[in-house]
Amino acid sequence: MDLTAKADADCVRQFLVFVQDPLFPCLGAKAALSRQSLEIMLARDIRSGWNDLEIHARLVEFVADYRKDLRPFRSFAVLFQHPSELTEPEFEQALWDRIQSFADKDEWKGLMPDPQVSDNPVDPHFSLSIGGEGFFVVGLHPLASRPARRFVRPAMVFNLHHQFETLRSDGRYEKLRERILARDVALAGSENPMLQAFGEGSEARQYSGRAVGPDWTCPYQGRRRSP
């Protein structure tokens, strides 16, 4: 095994250990892993658009596969090899740069947005739309202030909005959410001030994991035609 392949394998292994940790609060990610429906992709640098076309294509494939089997739980994780450390504001900017790029490519390819969510980041019903499905994005990185968001490499985890609605219609969503929140408090020692249920406030404020104030402006400019 060459050094690059070993580094890639180590990164994936570290992420699996991260999710499997008994203290890790996200039960949805644990369920996706146990059901072998947690897809992982490696990318170069979260500050660069080097892998954006490939990431977008993989997300569109992920949506197509989900539509063949609508059962939760499914997640798509992109693990970036670089950089090893970013401040919370730096990570937030890089994360939204990637999100903007994915949205631009979605529109450029003529893919319609999910009609069940809003493209306006200040709207309480906002979700990132890729391939016709809304996604809730979870950012992870080494210097995250919340322990649940603190992974050894920058990462973006994409969770389909539709599967949350499926859980809600089955009456399972609120109980699952309460268990996750309780586990997060047990890990961090305090409640996450950014957490809100869908429709209570824009989920854009939660993507990077940084605690932001009421005057925060989302860097996302919405879907726009790009060359």
C-alpha atoms as a PDB file:
ATOM      1  CA  MET A   1       0.000   0.000   0.000  1.00  0.00           C
ATOM      2  CA  ASP A   2       1.499   3.372  -1.005  1.00  0.00           C
ATOM      3  CA  LEU A   3       1.545   6.341   1.348  1.00  0.00           C
ATOM      4  CA  THR A   4      -1.439   8.063  -0.321  1.00  0.00           C
ATOM      5  CA  ALA A   5      -3.607   4.952  -0.120  1.00  0.00           C
ATOM      6  CA  LYS A   6      -2.587   4.440   3.507  1.00  0.00           C
ATOM      7  CA  ALA A   7      -3.492   8.055   4.364  1.00  0.00           C
ATOM      8  CA  ASP A   8      -6.866   7.605   2.681  1.00  0.00           C
ATOM      9  CA  ALA A   9      -7.540   4.373   4.540  1.00  0.00           C
ATOM     10  CA  ASP A  10      -6.484   5.947   7.828  1.00  0.00           C
ATOM     11  CA  CYS A  11      -8.857   8.883   7.280  1.00  0.00           C
ATOM     12  CA  VAL A  12     -11.806   6.585   6.626  1.00  0.00           C
ATOM     13  CA  ARG A  13     -10.897   4.433   9.607  1.00  0.00           C
ATOM     14  CA  GLN A  14     -10.722   7.495  11.851  1.00  0.00           C
ATOM     15  CA  PHE A  15     -14.194   8.563  10.729  1.00  0.00           C
ATOM     16  CA  LEU A  16     -15.682   5.140  11.393  1.00  0.00           C
ATOM     17  CA  VAL A  17     -14.153   5.139  14.875  1.00  0.00           C
ATOM     18  CA  PHE A  18     -15.519   8.662  15.405  1.00  0.00           C
ATOM     19  CA  VAL A  19     -19.080   7.586  14.569  1.00  0.00           C
ATOM     20  CA  GLN A  20     -18.824   4.319  16.506  1.00  0.00           C
ATOM     21  CA  ASP A  21     -17.620   6.038  19.683  1.00  0.00           C
ATOM     22  CA  PRO A  22     -20.239   5.286  22.378  1.00  0.00           C
ATOM     23  CA  LEU A  23     -20.249   8.976  23.351  1.00  0.00           C
ATOM     24  CA  PHE A  24     -20.914  10.263  19.828  1.00  0.00           C
ATOM     25  CA  PRO A  25     -24.461  11.649  20.090  1.00  0.00           C
ATOM     26  CA  CYS A  26     -25.826  11.341  16.541  1.00  0.00           C
ATOM     27  CA  LEU A  27     -27.919   8.188  16.533  1.00  0.00           C
ATOM     28  CA  GLY A  28     -28.869   8.745  12.899  1.00  0.00           C
ATOM     29  CA  ALA A  29     -25.240   8.447  11.773  1.00  0.00           C
ATOM     30  CA  LYS A  30     -24.802   5.366  13.932  1.00  0.00           C
ATOM     31  CA  ALA A  31     -27.904   3.813  12.364  1.00  0.00           C
ATOM     32  CA  ALA A  32     -26.661   4.623   8.849  1.00  0.00           C
ATOM     33  CA  LEU A  33     -23.323   2.974   9.613  1.00  0.00           C
ATOM     34  CA  SER A  34     -24.920  -0.128  11.105  1.00  0.00           C
ATOM     35  CA  ARG A  35     -27.181  -0.451   8.045  1.00  0.00           C
ATOM     36  CA  GLN A  36     -24.215   0.033   5.698  1.00  0.00           C
ATOM     37  CA  SER A  37     -25.886   3.126   4.250  1.00  0.00           C
ATOM     38  CA  LEU A  38     -23.217   5.621   5.279  1.00  0.00           C
ATOM     39  CA  GLU A  39     -21.306   6.525   2.117  1.00  0.00           C
ATOM     40  CA  ILE A  40     -17.864   8.083   2.438  1.00  0.00           C
ATOM     41  CA  MET A  41     -15.907  10.046  -0.159  1.00  0.00           C
ATOM     42  CA  LEU A  42     -12.403  11.456   0.191  1.00  0.00           C
ATOM     43  CA  ALA A  43     -11.517  14.889  -1.171  1.00  0.00           C
ATOM     44  CA  ARG A  44      -8.403  17.080  -1.194  1.00  0.00           C
ATOM     45  CA  ASP A  45      -8.940  20.449   0.445  1.00  0.00           C
ATOM     46  CA  ILE A  46     -12.158  22.002   1.735  1.00  0.00           C
ATOM     47  CA  ARG A  47     -10.833  25.413   0.679  1.00  0.00           C
ATOM     48  CA  SER A  48     -10.514  24.279  -2.941  1.00  0.00           C
ATOM     49  CA  GLY A  49     -13.016  23.416  -5.675  1.00  0.00           C
ATOM     50  CA  TRP A  50     -10.755  20.615  -6.937  1.00  0.00           C
ATOM     51  CA  ASN A  51     -13.268  17.840  -6.161  1.00  0.00           C
ATOM     52  CA  ASP A  52     -16.504  19.819  -6.449  1.00  0.00           C
ATOM     53  CA  LEU A  53     -17.678  18.281  -9.733  1.00  0.00           C
ATOM     54  CA  GLU A  54     -17.083  14.781  -8.425  1.00  0.00           C
ATOM     55  CA  ILE A  55     -18.742  15.509  -5.076  1.00  0.00           C
ATOM     56  CA  HIS A  56     -21.791  16.968  -6.820  1.00  0.00           C
ATOM     57  CA  ALA A  57     -22.041  13.959  -9.138  1.00  0.00           C
ATOM     58  CA  ARG A  58     -21.796  11.567  -6.204  1.00  0.00           C
ATOM     59  CA  LEU A  59     -24.529  13.458  -4.357  1.00  0.00           C
ATOM     60  CA  VAL A  60     -26.825  13.203  -7.396  1.00  0.00           C
ATOM     61  CA  GLU A  61     -26.158   9.444  -7.501  1.00  0.00           C
ATOM     62  CA  PHE A  62     -26.837   9.274  -3.768  1.00  0.00           C
ATOM     63  CA  VAL A  63     -30.252  10.896  -4.342  1.00  0.00           C
ATOM     64  CA  ALA A  64     -31.072   8.480  -7.169  1.00  0.00           C
ATOM     65  CA  ASP A  65     -30.202   5.492  -4.975  1.00  0.00           C
ATOM     66  CA  TYR A  66     -32.291   6.854  -2.110  1.00  0.00           C
ATOM     67  CA  ARG A  67     -35.330   7.242  -4.358  1.00  0.00           C
ATOM     68  CA  LYS A  68     -35.155   3.523  -5.093  1.00  0.00           C
ATOM     69  CA  ASP A  69     -35.410   2.788  -1.370  1.00  0.00           C
ATOM     70  CA  LEU A  70     -36.840   5.594   0.769  1.00  0.00           C
ATOM     71  CA  ARG A  71     -36.116   4.031   4.131  1.00  0.00           C
ATOM     72  CA  PRO A  72     -33.965   6.009   6.583  1.00  0.00           C
ATOM     73  CA  PHE A  73     -31.157   6.156   7.606  1.00  0.00           C
ATOM     74  CA  ARG A  74     -28.711   7.313   4.914  1.00  0.00           C
ATOM     75  CA  SER A  75     -25.834   9.780   5.030  1.00  0.00           C
ATOM     76  CA  PHE A  76     -23.134  10.895   2.621  1.00  0.00           C
ATOM     77  CA  ALA A  77     -19.861  12.063   4.174  1.00  0.00           C
ATOM     78  CA  VAL A  78     -17.088  13.953   2.401  1.00  0.00           C
ATOM     79  CA  LEU A  79     -13.774  13.815   4.271  1.00  0.00           C
ATOM     80  CA  PHE A  80     -11.171  16.387   3.276  1.00  0.00           C
ATOM     81  CA  GLN A  81      -7.493  15.586   3.671  1.00  0.00           C
ATOM     82  CA  HIS A  82      -6.537  19.240   4.170  1.00  0.00           C
ATOM     83  CA  PRO A  83      -6.034  21.476   6.023  1.00  0.00           C
ATOM     84  CA  SER A  84      -5.439  19.895   9.402  1.00  0.00           C
ATOM     85  CA  GLU A  85      -6.666  22.979  11.261  1.00  0.00           C
ATOM     86  CA  LEU A  86      -8.960  25.886  10.491  1.00  0.00           C
ATOM     87  CA  THR A  87     -10.472  28.383  12.903  1.00  0.00           C
ATOM     88  CA  GLU A  88     -14.233  28.205  13.205  1.00  0.00           C
ATOM     89  CA  PRO A  89     -14.788  31.284  10.972  1.00  0.00           C
ATOM     90  CA  GLU A  90     -12.325  29.935   8.391  1.00  0.00           C
ATOM     91  CA  PHE A  91     -14.042  26.558   8.346  1.00  0.00           C
ATOM     92  CA  GLU A  92     -17.450  28.185   8.077  1.00  0.00           C
ATOM     93  CA  GLN A  93     -16.378  30.202   5.034  1.00  0.00           C
ATOM     94  CA  ALA A  94     -14.830  27.165   3.347  1.00  0.00           C
ATOM     95  CA  LEU A  95     -17.938  25.062   4.011  1.00  0.00           C
ATOM     96  CA  TRP A  96     -20.237  27.677   2.464  1.00  0.00           C
ATOM     97  CA  ASP A  97     -17.904  28.102  -0.511  1.00  0.00           C
ATOM     98  CA  ARG A  98     -18.314  24.411  -1.231  1.00  0.00           C
ATOM     99  CA  ILE A  99     -22.082  24.568  -0.699  1.00  0.00           C
ATOM    100  CA  GLN A 100     -22.357  27.489  -3.115  1.00  0.00           C
ATOM    101  CA  SER A 101     -20.319  25.597  -5.682  1.00  0.00           C
ATOM    102  CA  PHE A 102     -22.523  22.502  -5.416  1.00  0.00           C
ATOM    103  CA  ALA A 103     -25.679  24.595  -5.785  1.00  0.00           C
ATOM    104  CA  ASP A 104     -24.235  26.413  -8.803  1.00  0.00           C
ATOM    105  CA  LYS A 105     -23.422  23.102 -10.488  1.00  0.00           C
ATOM    106  CA  ASP A 106     -26.889  21.783  -9.721  1.00  0.00           C
ATOM    107  CA  GLU A 107     -28.455  24.762 -11.469  1.00  0.00           C
ATOM    108  CA  TRP A 108     -25.919  24.693 -14.326  1.00  0.00           C
ATOM    109  CA  LYS A 109     -26.916  21.063 -15.015  1.00  0.00           C
ATOM    110  CA  GLY A 110     -30.588  22.031 -15.077  1.00  0.00           C
ATOM    111  CA  LEU A 111     -31.558  20.040 -11.989  1.00  0.00           C
ATOM    112  CA  MET A 112     -34.671  21.390 -10.324  1.00  0.00           C
ATOM    113  CA  PRO A 113     -34.580  22.228  -6.593  1.00  0.00           C
ATOM    114  CA  ASP A 114     -36.593  20.310  -4.032  1.00  0.00           C
ATOM    115  CA  PRO A 115     -40.022  21.989  -3.928  1.00  0.00           C
ATOM    116  CA  GLN A 116     -40.478  20.984  -0.283  1.00  0.00           C
ATOM    117  CA  VAL A 117     -37.682  23.273   0.945  1.00  0.00           C
ATOM    118  CA  SER A 118     -36.627  26.878   0.460  1.00  0.00           C
ATOM    119  CA  ASP A 119     -33.463  28.089  -1.269  1.00  0.00           C
ATOM    120  CA  ASN A 120     -33.435  31.276   0.816  1.00  0.00           C
ATOM    121  CA  PRO A 121     -30.990  30.825   3.740  1.00  0.00           C
ATOM    122  CA  VAL A 122     -33.012  33.149   5.991  1.00  0.00           C
ATOM    123  CA  ASP A 123     -36.208  31.153   5.441  1.00  0.00           C
ATOM    124  CA  PRO A 124     -37.127  28.790   8.334  1.00  0.00           C
ATOM    125  CA  HIS A 125     -37.692  26.072   5.698  1.00  0.00           C
ATOM    126  CA  PHE A 126     -34.279  26.412   4.059  1.00  0.00           C
ATOM    127  CA  SER A 127     -32.291  23.333   3.068  1.00  0.00           C
ATOM    128  CA  LEU A 128     -29.520  22.884   0.544  1.00  0.00           C
ATOM    129  CA  SER A 129     -31.059  21.345  -2.579  1.00  0.00           C
ATOM    130  CA  ILE A 130     -29.011  18.958  -4.717  1.00  0.00           C
ATOM    131  CA  GLY A 131     -30.410  16.654  -7.379  1.00  0.00           C
ATOM    132  CA  GLY A 132     -33.970  17.593  -6.482  1.00  0.00           C
ATOM    133  CA  GLU A 133     -33.681  16.678  -2.788  1.00  0.00           C
ATOM    134  CA  GLY A 134     -33.099  18.865   0.246  1.00  0.00           C
ATOM    135  CA  PHE A 135     -30.093  18.189   2.475  1.00  0.00           C
ATOM    136  CA  PHE A 136     -29.165  19.147   6.008  1.00  0.00           C
ATOM    137  CA  VAL A 137     -25.378  19.613   6.115  1.00  0.00           C
ATOM    138  CA  VAL A 138     -23.278  18.894   9.206  1.00  0.00           C
ATOM    139  CA  GLY A 139     -19.791  20.398   9.273  1.00  0.00           C
ATOM    140  CA  LEU A 140     -16.986  18.751  11.258  1.00  0.00           C
ATOM    141  CA  HIS A 141     -13.421  19.924  11.877  1.00  0.00           C
ATOM    142  CA  PRO A 142     -10.634  19.688  14.481  1.00  0.00           C
ATOM    143  CA  LEU A 143     -11.188  23.088  16.137  1.00  0.00           C
ATOM    144  CA  ALA A 144     -14.984  22.896  16.449  1.00  0.00           C
ATOM    145  CA  SER A 145     -16.205  24.246  19.784  1.00  0.00           C
ATOM    146  CA  ARG A 146     -18.822  21.494  20.181  1.00  0.00           C
ATOM    147  CA  PRO A 147     -17.271  18.060  20.875  1.00  0.00           C
ATOM    148  CA  ALA A 148     -19.788  16.320  18.611  1.00  0.00           C
ATOM    149  CA  ARG A 149     -18.470  18.378  15.668  1.00  0.00           C
ATOM    150  CA  ARG A 150     -14.772  17.818  16.453  1.00  0.00           C
ATOM    151  CA  PHE A 151     -13.243  15.451  13.918  1.00  0.00           C
ATOM    152  CA  VAL A 152      -9.545  15.195  13.009  1.00  0.00           C
ATOM    153  CA  ARG A 153     -10.153  16.430   9.431  1.00  0.00           C
ATOM    154  CA  PRO A 154     -12.593  18.878   7.871  1.00  0.00           C
ATOM    155  CA  ALA A 155     -15.727  17.018   6.794  1.00  0.00           C
ATOM    156  CA  MET A 156     -19.201  17.633   5.435  1.00  0.00           C
ATOM    157  CA  VAL A 157     -21.979  15.153   6.170  1.00  0.00           C
ATOM    158  CA  PHE A 158     -25.092  15.361   3.985  1.00  0.00           C
ATOM    159  CA  ASN A 159     -28.396  14.124   5.419  1.00  0.00           C
ATOM    160  CA  LEU A 160     -31.514  13.945   3.286  1.00  0.00           C
ATOM    161  CA  HIS A 161     -34.331  16.196   4.467  1.00  0.00           C
ATOM    162  CA  HIS A 162     -36.929  13.733   3.167  1.00  0.00           C
ATOM    163  CA  GLN A 163     -35.837  11.037   5.593  1.00  0.00           C
ATOM    164  CA  PHE A 164     -36.498  13.417   8.496  1.00  0.00           C
ATOM    165  CA  GLU A 165     -40.006  13.935   7.152  1.00  0.00           C
ATOM    166  CA  THR A 166     -40.432  10.166   6.900  1.00  0.00           C
ATOM    167  CA  LEU A 167     -39.433   9.787  10.541  1.00  0.00           C
ATOM    168  CA  ARG A 168     -41.781  12.621  11.501  1.00  0.00           C
ATOM    169  CA  SER A 169     -44.722  11.011   9.686  1.00  0.00           C
ATOM    170  CA  ASP A 170     -43.968   7.717  11.447  1.00  0.00           C
ATOM    171  CA  GLY A 171     -43.954   9.464  14.822  1.00  0.00           C
ATOM    172  CA  ARG A 172     -40.291   8.645  15.435  1.00  0.00           C
ATOM    173  CA  TYR A 173     -38.627  11.998  14.786  1.00  0.00           C
ATOM    174  CA  GLU A 174     -39.265  13.821  18.064  1.00  0.00           C
ATOM    175  CA  LYS A 175     -38.200  10.902  20.258  1.00  0.00           C
ATOM    176  CA  LEU A 176     -35.037  10.437  18.223  1.00  0.00           C
ATOM    177  CA  ARG A 177     -34.281  14.158  18.347  1.00  0.00           C
ATOM    178  CA  GLU A 178     -34.772  14.266  22.125  1.00  0.00           C
ATOM    179  CA  ARG A 179     -32.380  11.335  22.589  1.00  0.00           C
ATOM    180  CA  ILE A 180     -29.741  12.964  20.381  1.00  0.00           C
ATOM    181  CA  LEU A 181     -30.039  16.286  22.232  1.00  0.00           C
ATOM    182  CA  ALA A 182     -29.709  14.542  25.597  1.00  0.00           C
ATOM    183  CA  ARG A 183     -26.623  12.674  24.405  1.00  0.00           C
ATOM    184  CA  ASP A 184     -25.099  15.914  23.089  1.00  0.00           C
ATOM    185  CA  VAL A 185     -25.624  17.612  26.453  1.00  0.00           C
ATOM    186  CA  ALA A 186     -24.029  14.630  28.214  1.00  0.00           C
ATOM    187  CA  LEU A 187     -20.996  14.913  25.926  1.00  0.00           C
ATOM    188  CA  ALA A 188     -20.585  18.697  25.927  1.00  0.00           C
ATOM    189  CA  GLY A 189     -21.947  19.531  29.369  1.00  0.00           C
ATOM    190  CA  SER A 190     -24.331  22.138  27.956  1.00  0.00           C
ATOM    191  CA  GLU A 191     -27.101  22.524  25.419  1.00  0.00           C
ATOM    192  CA  ASN A 192     -26.206  23.492  21.872  1.00  0.00           C
ATOM    193  CA  PRO A 193     -27.615  27.030  21.469  1.00  0.00           C
ATOM    194  CA  MET A 194     -27.832  26.651  17.690  1.00  0.00           C
ATOM    195  CA  LEU A 195     -30.163  23.666  17.554  1.00  0.00           C
ATOM    196  CA  GLN A 196     -33.687  24.256  16.326  1.00  0.00           C
ATOM    197  CA  ALA A 197     -36.293  21.995  14.797  1.00  0.00           C
ATOM    198  CA  PHE A 198     -36.998  22.380  11.078  1.00  0.00           C
ATOM    199  CA  GLY A 199     -39.346  25.339  10.566  1.00  0.00           C
ATOM    200  CA  GLU A 200     -38.400  27.117  13.814  1.00  0.00           C
ATOM    201  CA  GLY A 201     -35.482  28.983  12.262  1.00  0.00           C
ATOM    202  CA  SER A 202     -33.148  28.633   9.315  1.00  0.00           C
ATOM    203  CA  GLU A 203     -31.054  25.493   9.571  1.00  0.00           C
ATOM    204  CA  ALA A 204     -28.276  27.378   7.746  1.00  0.00           C
ATOM    205  CA  ARG A 205     -27.207  28.666  11.160  1.00  0.00           C
ATOM    206  CA  GLN A 206     -26.416  25.093  12.216  1.00  0.00           C
ATOM    207  CA  TYR A 207     -24.362  23.840   9.253  1.00  0.00           C
ATOM    208  CA  SER A 208     -20.859  24.903  10.303  1.00  0.00           C
ATOM    209  CA  GLY A 209     -21.331  24.172  14.010  1.00  0.00           C
ATOM    210  CA  ARG A 210     -20.111  27.636  15.026  1.00  0.00           C
ATOM    211  CA  ALA A 211     -22.285  29.537  17.491  1.00  0.00           C
ATOM    212  CA  VAL A 212     -23.480  32.626  15.617  1.00  0.00           C
ATOM    213  CA  GLY A 213     -25.405  35.655  16.841  1.00  0.00           C
ATOM    214  CA  PRO A 214     -28.699  37.124  15.632  1.00  0.00           C
ATOM    215  CA  ASP A 215     -26.854  39.488  13.277  1.00  0.00           C
ATOM    216  CA  TRP A 216     -25.106  36.633  11.425  1.00  0.00           C
ATOM    217  CA  THR A 217     -25.436  36.729   7.643  1.00  0.00           C
ATOM    218  CA  CYS A 218     -25.278  33.472   5.722  1.00  0.00           C
ATOM    219  CA  PRO A 219     -22.608  33.519   2.974  1.00  0.00           C
ATOM    220  CA  TYR A 220     -24.844  31.454   0.672  1.00  0.00           C
ATOM    221  CA  GLN A 221     -26.286  33.492  -2.200  1.00  0.00           C
ATOM    222  CA  GLY A 222     -28.860  30.997  -3.380  1.00  0.00           C
ATOM    223  CA  ARG A 223     -28.983  29.133  -6.664  1.00  0.00           C
ATOM    224  CA  ARG A 224     -27.419  31.141  -9.469  1.00  0.00           C
ATOM    225  CA  ARG A 225     -26.325  30.423 -12.990  1.00  0.00           C
ATOM    226  CA  SER A 226     -22.570  29.852 -13.126  1.00  0.00           C
ATOM    227  CA  PRO A 227     -20.307  29.457 -16.167  1.00  0.00           C
END
